[in-house]
Amino acid sequence: MLLNFSTSQLFNFMGKKDARTDAYIDKAQDFAKPILTHLRETIHAACPDVEETWKWSFPHFMYKGAILCSMAAFKQHCAFSFWKAALILDADKVLSIKDREGMGHLGKIESLNDLPKDAVMKKYIKAAMKLNDEGVKLPPRSKPTENEKKELVIPAYFTKELNKNKKAKDVFNDFSYSHKKEYIQWFDEAKTEATRDKRMAQALEWIAEGKSRNWKYMNC
């Protein structure tokens, strides 16, 4: 007997969904809902065995026991990231957008038009799947040399702000070289002083909580 299913019904049979992702999309800004929904559907279509989970307060997608990718929504944009983006061949140049704002590998996503074509996204998702299939892991970060540590200069503008926040200052002083460098580079990459100041305000909040620049992407 021939069974007919709608697209949404077929989607429900694909992979493993997490109710927290549904709630996350429902609570997102109106502009973000179609973006998150489309990303979610594209991931499930490309990877039928994907499993949704919840890490660092936003949706992640697992495959073969390892993180495949993630998505997040903010007040004015969305973000999407591949866990092993550094190992994916960026043939279509979608992971190498220069001078982009916000976290993620596709830059600020403010509408569906900012997303790569579905065929391209699926190709990259399958490339990420292959890495998990083969058990490929991200290489460990190389330790900085003593000369590199000496070359890291804390900008005066940030030192001034740290002096106003004792808790953040104490935590920052105890940070590793790499954690300090990540924040300094983030400030230096700002195109305008206003953007830099906004980043510093966010950084001080995170640092006071003991969080590194990329805390959202660290392993549990």
Protein backbone atom coordinates (compact mmCIF):
# COMPACT_ATOMS: atom_id res chain seq x y z
CA MET A 1 0.00 0.00 0.00
CA LEU A 2 1.34 3.44 -0.94
CA LEU A 3 1.63 5.80 2.02
CA ASN A 4 1.62 9.54 1.50
CA PHE A 5 3.41 11.80 3.95
CA SER A 6 3.75 15.56 4.02
CA THR A 7 7.21 17.15 4.20
CA SER A 8 6.74 17.94 7.89
CA GLN A 9 5.65 14.36 8.62
CA LEU A 10 8.67 12.97 6.85
CA PHE A 11 10.89 15.35 8.80
CA ASN A 12 9.54 13.91 12.06
CA PHE A 13 10.89 10.50 11.10
CA MET A 14 14.38 11.84 10.48
CA GLY A 15 17.03 11.78 13.18
CA LYS A 16 16.34 12.50 16.82
CA LYS A 17 14.78 15.80 17.80
CA ASP A 18 15.02 17.57 21.13
CA ALA A 19 12.06 19.46 22.59
CA ARG A 20 14.47 22.10 23.88
CA THR A 21 15.29 23.03 20.30
CA ASP A 22 11.59 23.51 19.58
CA ALA A 23 11.29 25.78 22.62
CA TYR A 24 14.44 27.66 21.63
CA ILE A 25 13.05 28.42 18.18
CA ASP A 26 9.67 29.40 19.59
CA LYS A 27 11.30 31.93 21.95
CA ALA A 28 13.61 33.38 19.29
CA GLN A 29 13.03 36.76 17.64
CA ASP A 30 10.59 36.65 14.71
CA PHE A 31 13.36 37.18 12.13
CA ALA A 32 15.31 34.24 13.59
CA LYS A 33 12.56 31.62 13.57
CA PRO A 34 12.63 30.85 9.80
CA ILE A 35 16.44 30.86 9.83
CA LEU A 36 16.71 28.38 12.72
CA THR A 37 13.93 26.22 11.30
CA HIS A 38 15.59 26.10 7.88
CA LEU A 39 19.01 25.27 9.33
CA ARG A 40 17.48 22.52 11.44
CA GLU A 41 15.66 20.98 8.49
CA THR A 42 18.75 21.20 6.29
CA ILE A 43 20.89 19.44 8.90
CA HIS A 44 18.35 16.62 9.31
CA ALA A 45 17.94 16.25 5.55
CA ALA A 46 21.70 15.98 5.00
CA CYS A 47 22.31 13.79 8.05
CA PRO A 48 19.31 11.50 8.74
CA ASP A 49 21.03 10.00 11.80
CA VAL A 50 21.75 13.33 13.48
CA GLU A 51 20.75 13.74 17.13
CA GLU A 52 19.85 17.07 18.63
CA THR A 53 21.18 17.98 22.05
CA TRP A 54 21.62 21.01 24.30
CA LYS A 55 25.00 22.49 25.17
CA TRP A 56 25.99 25.93 26.47
CA SER A 57 22.38 27.15 26.30
CA PHE A 58 21.81 26.64 22.56
CA PRO A 59 21.07 23.73 20.14
CA HIS A 60 23.83 21.38 19.01
CA PHE A 61 23.68 18.48 16.59
CA MET A 62 25.51 15.22 17.27
CA TYR A 63 26.59 12.51 14.84
CA LYS A 64 28.42 9.29 15.71
CA GLY A 65 28.85 10.47 19.28
CA ALA A 66 30.59 13.74 18.39
CA ILE A 67 29.41 17.30 17.79
CA LEU A 68 28.65 17.99 14.15
CA CYS A 69 27.46 21.59 14.26
CA SER A 70 25.43 24.12 16.22
CA MET A 71 23.16 27.11 15.77
CA ALA A 72 22.27 30.08 17.93
CA ALA A 73 20.03 33.13 17.84
CA PHE A 74 20.74 36.61 19.17
CA LYS A 75 18.80 39.86 19.24
CA GLN A 76 19.60 40.85 15.67
CA HIS A 77 21.30 37.88 14.01
CA CYS A 78 21.78 34.13 14.06
CA ALA A 79 25.00 32.11 13.99
CA PHE A 80 25.93 28.68 12.70
CA SER A 81 29.11 26.74 13.40
CA PHE A 82 30.74 23.49 12.36
CA TRP A 83 32.60 21.89 15.26
CA LYS A 84 35.47 20.82 13.00
CA ALA A 85 35.34 23.72 10.56
CA ALA A 86 39.14 24.00 10.59
CA LEU A 87 39.34 20.55 8.99
CA ILE A 88 36.68 21.04 6.31
CA LEU A 89 37.84 21.91 2.80
CA ASP A 90 36.28 25.32 2.17
CA ALA A 91 35.87 24.90 -1.60
CA ASP A 92 32.94 27.32 -1.83
CA LYS A 93 34.54 29.90 0.47
CA VAL A 94 31.66 29.99 2.93
CA LEU A 95 33.76 29.41 6.04
CA SER A 96 36.39 32.03 5.32
CA ILE A 97 34.44 35.27 5.46
CA LYS A 98 36.88 37.96 6.55
CA ASP A 99 36.17 40.72 9.05
CA ARG A 100 32.83 39.27 10.03
CA GLU A 101 31.08 40.20 13.25
CA GLY A 102 29.67 37.73 15.72
CA MET A 103 30.53 34.14 16.41
CA GLY A 104 30.01 31.32 13.96
CA HIS A 105 31.40 30.31 10.58
CA LEU A 106 28.86 31.95 8.28
CA GLY A 107 29.05 35.47 9.64
CA LYS A 108 25.97 37.30 10.92
CA ILE A 109 22.85 35.61 9.56
CA GLU A 110 20.05 38.16 9.51
CA SER A 111 17.79 36.52 6.92
CA LEU A 112 17.52 33.34 4.86
CA ASN A 113 19.31 35.19 2.04
CA ASP A 114 22.47 35.22 4.15
CA LEU A 115 22.66 31.43 4.13
CA PRO A 116 24.58 29.47 1.48
CA LYS A 117 22.47 27.55 -1.02
CA ASP A 118 20.96 24.35 0.37
CA ALA A 119 23.11 22.18 -1.90
CA VAL A 120 26.26 23.88 -0.59
CA MET A 121 25.18 23.58 3.04
CA LYS A 122 24.42 19.89 2.61
CA LYS A 123 27.80 19.33 0.97
CA TYR A 124 29.56 20.90 3.95
CA ILE A 125 27.41 18.98 6.44
CA LYS A 126 28.33 15.73 4.70
CA ALA A 127 32.00 16.74 4.83
CA ALA A 128 31.62 17.27 8.57
CA MET A 129 29.87 13.89 8.84
CA LYS A 130 32.78 12.19 7.10
CA LEU A 131 35.18 13.55 9.70
CA ASN A 132 33.03 12.03 12.44
CA ASP A 133 32.68 8.77 10.49
CA GLU A 134 36.45 8.51 10.37
CA GLY A 135 36.89 9.49 14.00
CA VAL A 136 38.97 12.54 13.12
CA LYS A 137 39.57 14.83 16.07
CA LEU A 138 40.60 18.46 16.20
CA PRO A 139 44.36 18.79 16.69
CA PRO A 140 45.45 19.99 20.13
CA ARG A 141 46.34 23.64 20.36
CA SER A 142 50.06 24.26 20.20
CA LYS A 143 51.57 25.78 23.30
CA PRO A 144 53.01 29.29 22.88
CA THR A 145 56.73 29.80 23.15
CA GLU A 146 58.22 32.12 25.76
CA ASN A 147 58.93 34.68 23.03
CA GLU A 148 55.29 34.63 21.94
CA LYS A 149 54.15 35.17 25.51
CA LYS A 150 56.43 38.17 25.85
CA GLU A 151 55.02 39.66 22.62
CA LEU A 152 51.42 39.71 23.92
CA VAL A 153 50.72 43.30 24.91
CA ILE A 154 47.57 44.16 26.82
CA PRO A 155 46.20 47.39 25.22
CA ALA A 156 46.04 50.42 27.48
CA TYR A 157 42.34 50.90 26.68
CA PHE A 158 41.55 47.43 28.05
CA THR A 159 43.85 47.76 31.06
CA LYS A 160 41.93 50.92 31.96
CA GLU A 161 38.63 49.02 31.90
CA LEU A 162 40.07 46.11 33.86
CA ASN A 163 41.18 48.50 36.59
CA LYS A 164 37.53 49.46 37.05
CA ASN A 165 36.49 45.83 37.57
CA LYS A 166 38.58 44.09 40.22
CA LYS A 167 36.92 40.71 39.84
CA ALA A 168 37.44 40.65 36.07
CA LYS A 169 41.00 41.90 36.50
CA ASP A 170 41.91 39.14 38.95
CA VAL A 171 40.43 36.46 36.71
CA PHE A 172 42.07 37.86 33.57
CA ASN A 173 45.48 37.98 35.26
CA ASP A 174 45.10 34.27 36.09
CA PHE A 175 44.05 33.38 32.54
CA SER A 176 46.35 31.32 30.33
CA TYR A 177 48.26 33.03 27.53
CA SER A 178 45.83 31.63 24.93
CA HIS A 179 42.72 32.91 26.73
CA LYS A 180 44.22 36.38 27.06
CA LYS A 181 45.26 36.40 23.41
CA GLU A 182 41.78 35.40 22.20
CA TYR A 183 40.23 38.41 23.91
CA ILE A 184 42.91 40.86 22.76
CA GLN A 185 42.60 39.68 19.16
CA TRP A 186 38.82 40.07 19.39
CA PHE A 187 39.22 43.71 20.41
CA ASP A 188 41.87 44.39 17.76
CA GLU A 189 39.64 42.99 14.99
CA ALA A 190 36.88 45.53 15.72
CA LYS A 191 36.41 47.94 12.81
CA THR A 192 35.17 50.81 14.94
CA GLU A 193 35.78 52.10 18.44
CA ALA A 194 32.09 51.61 19.24
CA THR A 195 32.32 47.93 18.27
CA ARG A 196 35.49 47.55 20.32
CA ASP A 197 33.86 49.12 23.38
CA LYS A 198 30.84 46.85 22.99
CA ARG A 199 33.10 43.82 22.84
CA MET A 200 35.03 44.95 25.90
CA ALA A 201 31.82 45.34 27.88
CA GLN A 202 30.80 41.80 26.94
CA ALA A 203 34.31 40.52 27.65
CA LEU A 204 34.38 42.00 31.15
CA GLU A 205 31.11 40.27 31.93
CA TRP A 206 32.37 36.91 30.68
CA ILE A 207 35.79 37.25 32.30
CA ALA A 208 34.25 38.08 35.68
CA GLU A 209 32.37 34.77 35.35
CA GLY A 210 35.63 32.96 34.57
CA LYS A 211 34.74 32.39 30.92
CA SER A 212 37.17 32.37 28.02
CA ARG A 213 36.39 34.17 24.75
CA ASN A 214 35.20 30.91 23.14
CA TRP A 215 33.57 29.38 26.23
CA LYS A 216 30.48 28.43 24.25
CA TYR A 217 32.49 26.05 22.12
CA MET A 218 34.55 24.33 24.78
CA ASN A 219 33.98 20.67 25.57
CA CYS A 220 31.80 19.92 28.55
